[in-house]
């Protein structure tokens, strides 16, 4: 990953955290990693545990940021979330997977709740 893409990703995550907090989310972890992969943000929306994937785009080519979370990426996020729940003994907790789309081409941030069915 290039330095420029890394900076764009970090910028997007920082913007996503601010937006999530403005909507009442509590951020618990950033860049959580296990043997399956990484999830950008783990937080709570009320009593619901949220695994949050952030996608940031600076241009309009190749679709919207949220369209970048393809089926393969969705399946990986589900597996990461399930392992997190297992490792933390959270079997009876409400949880969901959200996507935050940071679109720099029009300065828009969208929170898509329950974007991936787990």
N, C-alpha and C. Protein backbone atom coordinates (compact mmCIF):
# COMPACT_ATOMS: atom_id res chain seq x y z
N UNK A 1 0.86 -1.18 0.00
CA UNK A 1 0.00 0.00 0.00
C UNK A 1 0.89 1.23 0.00
N UNK A 2 0.56 2.16 -0.86
CA UNK A 2 1.38 3.36 -0.96
C UNK A 2 1.15 4.27 0.25
N UNK A 3 2.11 5.14 0.47
CA UNK A 3 2.03 6.11 1.56
C UNK A 3 0.77 6.97 1.42
N UNK A 4 0.48 7.39 0.19
CA UNK A 4 -0.68 8.24 -0.06
C UNK A 4 -1.99 7.50 0.28
N UNK A 5 -2.10 6.24 -0.10
CA UNK A 5 -3.31 5.46 0.21
C UNK A 5 -3.44 5.23 1.70
N UNK A 6 -2.30 4.99 2.38
CA UNK A 6 -2.33 4.81 3.83
C UNK A 6 -2.83 6.07 4.52
N UNK A 7 -2.32 7.22 4.07
CA UNK A 7 -2.76 8.50 4.64
C UNK A 7 -4.24 8.74 4.39
N UNK A 8 -4.72 8.41 3.20
CA UNK A 8 -6.14 8.56 2.88
C UNK A 8 -6.98 7.67 3.78
N UNK A 9 -6.53 6.44 3.98
CA UNK A 9 -7.24 5.51 4.86
C UNK A 9 -7.29 6.00 6.30
N UNK A 10 -6.17 6.50 6.80
CA UNK A 10 -6.13 7.03 8.17
C UNK A 10 -7.03 8.25 8.30
N UNK A 11 -6.99 9.14 7.30
CA UNK A 11 -7.85 10.30 7.29
C UNK A 11 -9.32 9.88 7.34
N UNK A 12 -9.68 8.90 6.52
CA UNK A 12 -11.05 8.41 6.48
C UNK A 12 -11.49 7.81 7.80
N UNK A 13 -10.60 7.05 8.43
CA UNK A 13 -10.94 6.46 9.73
C UNK A 13 -11.12 7.54 10.79
N UNK A 14 -10.27 8.55 10.79
CA UNK A 14 -10.40 9.65 11.74
C UNK A 14 -11.73 10.37 11.54
N UNK A 15 -12.09 10.62 10.28
CA UNK A 15 -13.36 11.28 9.97
C UNK A 15 -14.54 10.39 10.39
N UNK A 16 -14.41 9.09 10.15
CA UNK A 16 -15.47 8.16 10.52
C UNK A 16 -15.69 8.14 12.03
N UNK A 17 -14.61 8.14 12.79
CA UNK A 17 -14.72 8.14 14.26
C UNK A 17 -15.48 9.38 14.72
N UNK A 18 -15.14 10.52 14.19
CA UNK A 18 -15.82 11.76 14.57
C UNK A 18 -17.31 11.69 14.23
N UNK A 19 -17.62 11.19 13.04
CA UNK A 19 -19.02 11.08 12.61
C UNK A 19 -19.79 10.09 13.48
N UNK A 20 -19.18 8.94 13.74
CA UNK A 20 -19.83 7.94 14.58
C UNK A 20 -20.12 8.49 15.97
N UNK A 21 -19.12 9.17 16.55
CA UNK A 21 -19.30 9.73 17.89
C UNK A 21 -20.39 10.80 17.91
N UNK A 22 -20.51 11.56 16.82
CA UNK A 22 -21.55 12.59 16.76
C UNK A 22 -22.95 11.97 16.72
N UNK A 23 -23.03 10.70 16.31
CA UNK A 23 -24.31 9.98 16.29
C UNK A 23 -24.47 9.08 17.51
N UNK A 24 -23.60 9.25 18.51
CA UNK A 24 -23.75 8.54 19.77
C UNK A 24 -23.03 7.22 19.90
N UNK A 25 -22.27 6.82 18.89
CA UNK A 25 -21.49 5.59 19.00
C UNK A 25 -20.37 5.80 20.01
N UNK A 26 -20.01 4.74 20.71
CA UNK A 26 -18.84 4.75 21.58
C UNK A 26 -17.78 3.87 20.90
N UNK A 27 -16.63 4.46 20.62
CA UNK A 27 -15.55 3.71 19.97
C UNK A 27 -14.78 2.94 21.02
N UNK A 28 -14.69 1.62 20.84
CA UNK A 28 -13.99 0.75 21.79
C UNK A 28 -12.56 0.43 21.33
N UNK A 29 -12.41 0.17 20.03
CA UNK A 29 -11.10 -0.19 19.48
C UNK A 29 -10.99 0.31 18.06
N UNK A 30 -9.75 0.59 17.67
CA UNK A 30 -9.46 0.92 16.28
C UNK A 30 -8.42 -0.06 15.77
N UNK A 31 -8.56 -0.44 14.53
CA UNK A 31 -7.62 -1.34 13.87
C UNK A 31 -7.41 -2.64 14.64
N UNK A 32 -8.51 -3.26 15.05
CA UNK A 32 -8.45 -4.55 15.74
C UNK A 32 -7.98 -5.60 14.74
N UNK A 33 -7.06 -6.42 15.18
CA UNK A 33 -6.49 -7.44 14.31
C UNK A 33 -6.50 -8.79 15.02
N UNK A 34 -6.90 -9.83 14.27
CA UNK A 34 -6.73 -11.20 14.74
C UNK A 34 -6.14 -12.02 13.59
N UNK A 35 -6.06 -13.35 13.75
CA UNK A 35 -5.38 -14.15 12.73
C UNK A 35 -6.12 -14.16 11.39
N UNK A 36 -7.38 -13.75 11.36
CA UNK A 36 -8.14 -13.73 10.10
C UNK A 36 -7.90 -12.43 9.34
N UNK A 37 -7.81 -11.32 10.07
CA UNK A 37 -7.63 -10.03 9.41
C UNK A 37 -7.86 -8.87 10.36
N UNK A 38 -8.23 -7.73 9.78
CA UNK A 38 -8.38 -6.50 10.56
C UNK A 38 -9.75 -5.88 10.32
N UNK A 39 -10.29 -5.30 11.38
CA UNK A 39 -11.52 -4.51 11.28
C UNK A 39 -11.15 -3.10 11.73
N UNK A 40 -11.66 -2.11 11.02
CA UNK A 40 -11.22 -0.73 11.27
C UNK A 40 -11.63 -0.20 12.63
N UNK A 41 -12.89 -0.41 13.00
CA UNK A 41 -13.40 0.14 14.26
C UNK A 41 -14.34 -0.87 14.90
N UNK A 42 -14.22 -1.02 16.21
CA UNK A 42 -15.22 -1.75 16.98
C UNK A 42 -15.82 -0.74 17.95
N UNK A 43 -17.13 -0.67 17.97
CA UNK A 43 -17.80 0.32 18.81
C UNK A 43 -19.13 -0.18 19.30
N UNK A 44 -19.82 0.68 20.01
CA UNK A 44 -21.16 0.36 20.50
C UNK A 44 -22.11 1.46 20.06
N UNK A 45 -23.27 1.04 19.59
CA UNK A 45 -24.38 1.93 19.27
C UNK A 45 -25.49 1.53 20.22
N UNK A 46 -25.61 2.26 21.32
CA UNK A 46 -26.52 1.81 22.39
C UNK A 46 -25.94 0.56 23.00
N UNK A 47 -26.72 -0.51 23.02
CA UNK A 47 -26.24 -1.77 23.59
C UNK A 47 -25.74 -2.73 22.51
N UNK A 48 -25.75 -2.31 21.26
CA UNK A 48 -25.34 -3.17 20.15
C UNK A 48 -23.85 -2.99 19.85
N UNK A 49 -23.13 -4.10 19.82
CA UNK A 49 -21.72 -4.09 19.44
C UNK A 49 -21.63 -3.98 17.93
N UNK A 50 -20.82 -3.06 17.44
CA UNK A 50 -20.72 -2.81 16.00
C UNK A 50 -19.29 -3.03 15.51
N UNK A 51 -19.18 -3.81 14.46
CA UNK A 51 -17.92 -3.99 13.75
C UNK A 51 -18.04 -3.10 12.52
N UNK A 52 -17.11 -2.15 12.40
CA UNK A 52 -17.29 -1.08 11.42
C UNK A 52 -16.14 -1.07 10.42
N UNK A 53 -16.48 -1.23 9.16
CA UNK A 53 -15.52 -1.14 8.07
C UNK A 53 -15.62 0.25 7.48
N UNK A 54 -14.47 0.91 7.32
CA UNK A 54 -14.43 2.26 6.76
C UNK A 54 -13.82 2.19 5.37
N UNK A 55 -14.51 2.78 4.41
CA UNK A 55 -13.99 2.87 3.05
C UNK A 55 -13.94 4.34 2.64
N UNK A 56 -12.77 4.76 2.19
CA UNK A 56 -12.56 6.15 1.82
C UNK A 56 -12.13 6.23 0.36
N UNK A 57 -12.77 7.15 -0.36
CA UNK A 57 -12.39 7.39 -1.75
C UNK A 57 -12.22 8.87 -1.98
N UNK A 58 -11.25 9.20 -2.84
CA UNK A 58 -11.03 10.60 -3.15
C UNK A 58 -11.52 10.96 -4.55
N UNK A 59 -11.87 9.97 -5.34
CA UNK A 59 -12.35 10.22 -6.70
C UNK A 59 -13.68 9.55 -6.94
N UNK A 60 -14.23 9.76 -8.11
CA UNK A 60 -15.55 9.20 -8.41
C UNK A 60 -15.49 7.93 -9.24
N UNK A 61 -14.31 7.53 -9.66
CA UNK A 61 -14.17 6.32 -10.48
C UNK A 61 -14.42 5.05 -9.70
N UNK A 62 -14.90 4.02 -10.39
CA UNK A 62 -15.08 2.68 -9.84
C UNK A 62 -16.14 2.59 -8.74
N UNK A 63 -17.11 3.47 -8.73
CA UNK A 63 -18.23 3.37 -7.80
C UNK A 63 -17.99 4.07 -6.48
N UNK A 64 -18.99 3.92 -5.61
CA UNK A 64 -18.97 4.58 -4.30
C UNK A 64 -18.08 3.82 -3.33
N UNK A 65 -17.69 4.46 -2.23
CA UNK A 65 -16.85 3.76 -1.24
C UNK A 65 -17.50 2.49 -0.72
N UNK A 66 -18.81 2.55 -0.42
CA UNK A 66 -19.47 1.36 0.14
C UNK A 66 -19.52 0.19 -0.85
N UNK A 67 -19.48 0.48 -2.14
CA UNK A 67 -19.46 -0.58 -3.14
C UNK A 67 -18.14 -1.35 -3.15
N UNK A 68 -17.14 -0.78 -2.50
CA UNK A 68 -15.84 -1.44 -2.40
C UNK A 68 -15.86 -2.60 -1.39
N UNK A 69 -16.91 -2.70 -0.61
CA UNK A 69 -17.04 -3.81 0.34
C UNK A 69 -17.76 -4.94 -0.39
N UNK A 70 -16.99 -5.70 -1.16
CA UNK A 70 -17.56 -6.77 -1.97
C UNK A 70 -17.88 -8.01 -1.13
N UNK A 71 -18.44 -9.03 -1.76
CA UNK A 71 -18.85 -10.26 -1.05
C UNK A 71 -17.68 -10.90 -0.31
N UNK A 72 -16.53 -10.96 -0.96
CA UNK A 72 -15.36 -11.57 -0.32
C UNK A 72 -14.97 -10.80 0.95
N UNK A 73 -14.95 -9.47 0.86
CA UNK A 73 -14.62 -8.63 2.02
C UNK A 73 -15.69 -8.80 3.10
N UNK A 74 -16.95 -8.88 2.71
CA UNK A 74 -18.03 -9.07 3.68
C UNK A 74 -17.86 -10.38 4.44
N UNK A 75 -17.55 -11.45 3.73
CA UNK A 75 -17.35 -12.75 4.38
C UNK A 75 -16.17 -12.70 5.36
N UNK A 76 -15.12 -12.00 4.99
CA UNK A 76 -13.96 -11.87 5.87
C UNK A 76 -14.31 -11.09 7.14
N UNK A 77 -15.06 -9.99 6.98
CA UNK A 77 -15.48 -9.20 8.14
C UNK A 77 -16.32 -10.04 9.08
N UNK A 78 -17.22 -10.84 8.54
CA UNK A 78 -18.06 -11.72 9.36
C UNK A 78 -17.20 -12.68 10.16
N UNK A 79 -16.21 -13.28 9.52
CA UNK A 79 -15.34 -14.23 10.22
C UNK A 79 -14.51 -13.54 11.31
N UNK A 80 -14.02 -12.34 11.03
CA UNK A 80 -13.26 -11.57 12.03
C UNK A 80 -14.16 -11.28 13.24
N UNK A 81 -15.39 -10.83 12.96
CA UNK A 81 -16.34 -10.51 14.03
C UNK A 81 -16.68 -11.75 14.86
N UNK A 82 -16.93 -12.87 14.20
CA UNK A 82 -17.27 -14.09 14.93
C UNK A 82 -16.14 -14.55 15.83
N UNK A 83 -14.90 -14.44 15.35
CA UNK A 83 -13.75 -14.81 16.18
C UNK A 83 -13.61 -13.85 17.36
N UNK A 84 -13.82 -12.56 17.14
CA UNK A 84 -13.77 -11.58 18.22
C UNK A 84 -14.79 -11.94 19.30
N UNK A 85 -16.00 -12.25 18.89
CA UNK A 85 -17.07 -12.61 19.84
C UNK A 85 -16.69 -13.87 20.61
N UNK A 86 -16.15 -14.85 19.93
CA UNK A 86 -15.74 -16.11 20.56
C UNK A 86 -14.60 -15.87 21.56
N UNK A 87 -13.59 -15.14 21.14
CA UNK A 87 -12.43 -14.88 22.00
C UNK A 87 -12.81 -14.07 23.24
N UNK A 88 -13.81 -13.21 23.11
CA UNK A 88 -14.22 -12.36 24.22
C UNK A 88 -15.45 -12.89 24.95
N UNK A 89 -15.83 -14.14 24.63
CA UNK A 89 -16.95 -14.81 25.30
C UNK A 89 -18.22 -13.95 25.31
N UNK A 90 -18.57 -13.47 24.12
CA UNK A 90 -19.72 -12.58 23.95
C UNK A 90 -20.80 -13.27 23.12
N UNK A 91 -21.23 -14.45 23.55
CA UNK A 91 -22.14 -15.22 22.71
C UNK A 91 -23.58 -14.71 22.74
N UNK A 92 -24.01 -14.01 23.78
CA UNK A 92 -25.40 -13.55 23.88
C UNK A 92 -25.53 -12.05 23.72
N UNK A 93 -24.72 -11.46 22.87
CA UNK A 93 -24.75 -10.01 22.69
C UNK A 93 -25.30 -9.68 21.29
N UNK A 94 -26.06 -8.60 21.22
CA UNK A 94 -26.51 -8.12 19.91
C UNK A 94 -25.33 -7.48 19.20
N UNK A 95 -25.15 -7.81 17.93
CA UNK A 95 -24.06 -7.24 17.16
C UNK A 95 -24.48 -7.09 15.71
N UNK A 96 -23.74 -6.21 15.04
CA UNK A 96 -23.99 -6.00 13.62
C UNK A 96 -22.71 -5.46 12.97
N UNK A 97 -22.75 -5.43 11.65
CA UNK A 97 -21.62 -4.90 10.89
C UNK A 97 -22.11 -3.67 10.13
N UNK A 98 -21.44 -2.55 10.36
CA UNK A 98 -21.76 -1.29 9.69
C UNK A 98 -20.62 -0.93 8.74
N UNK A 99 -20.94 -0.10 7.77
CA UNK A 99 -19.92 0.45 6.88
C UNK A 99 -20.03 1.96 6.95
N UNK A 100 -18.88 2.61 7.04
CA UNK A 100 -18.84 4.07 6.94
C UNK A 100 -18.14 4.40 5.62
N UNK A 101 -18.87 5.11 4.77
CA UNK A 101 -18.34 5.52 3.47
C UNK A 101 -17.92 6.98 3.55
N UNK A 102 -16.63 7.22 3.36
CA UNK A 102 -16.10 8.58 3.37
C UNK A 102 -15.79 8.93 1.92
N UNK A 103 -16.55 9.86 1.39
CA UNK A 103 -16.45 10.23 -0.02
C UNK A 103 -15.87 11.64 -0.13
N UNK A 104 -14.57 11.73 -0.38
CA UNK A 104 -13.90 13.04 -0.46
C UNK A 104 -14.28 13.82 -1.72
N UNK A 105 -14.82 13.15 -2.72
CA UNK A 105 -15.16 13.86 -3.95
C UNK A 105 -16.31 14.84 -3.74
N UNK A 106 -17.14 14.58 -2.71
CA UNK A 106 -18.23 15.52 -2.41
C UNK A 106 -18.36 15.81 -0.91
N UNK A 107 -17.29 15.53 -0.15
CA UNK A 107 -17.25 15.80 1.29
C UNK A 107 -18.46 15.19 2.01
N UNK A 108 -18.74 13.95 1.74
CA UNK A 108 -19.89 13.27 2.34
C UNK A 108 -19.44 12.05 3.13
N UNK A 109 -20.06 11.85 4.29
CA UNK A 109 -19.82 10.66 5.10
C UNK A 109 -21.16 9.99 5.33
N UNK A 110 -21.23 8.69 4.99
CA UNK A 110 -22.47 7.95 5.16
C UNK A 110 -22.23 6.77 6.10
N UNK A 111 -23.10 6.62 7.08
CA UNK A 111 -23.07 5.46 7.97
C UNK A 111 -24.16 4.50 7.50
N UNK A 112 -23.76 3.32 7.09
CA UNK A 112 -24.72 2.32 6.64
C UNK A 112 -24.80 1.25 7.73
N UNK A 113 -25.87 1.29 8.49
CA UNK A 113 -26.04 0.35 9.60
C UNK A 113 -26.48 -1.01 9.04
N UNK A 114 -25.95 -2.06 9.67
CA UNK A 114 -26.32 -3.42 9.30
C UNK A 114 -26.05 -3.66 7.81
N UNK A 115 -24.93 -3.15 7.33
CA UNK A 115 -24.60 -3.20 5.91
C UNK A 115 -24.25 -4.61 5.45
N UNK A 116 -23.80 -5.43 6.39
CA UNK A 116 -23.41 -6.80 6.08
C UNK A 116 -24.20 -7.72 6.99
N UNK A 117 -24.87 -8.68 6.42
CA UNK A 117 -25.64 -9.64 7.23
C UNK A 117 -24.71 -10.71 7.77
N UNK A 118 -24.61 -10.80 9.10
CA UNK A 118 -23.75 -11.78 9.76
C UNK A 118 -24.56 -12.93 10.15
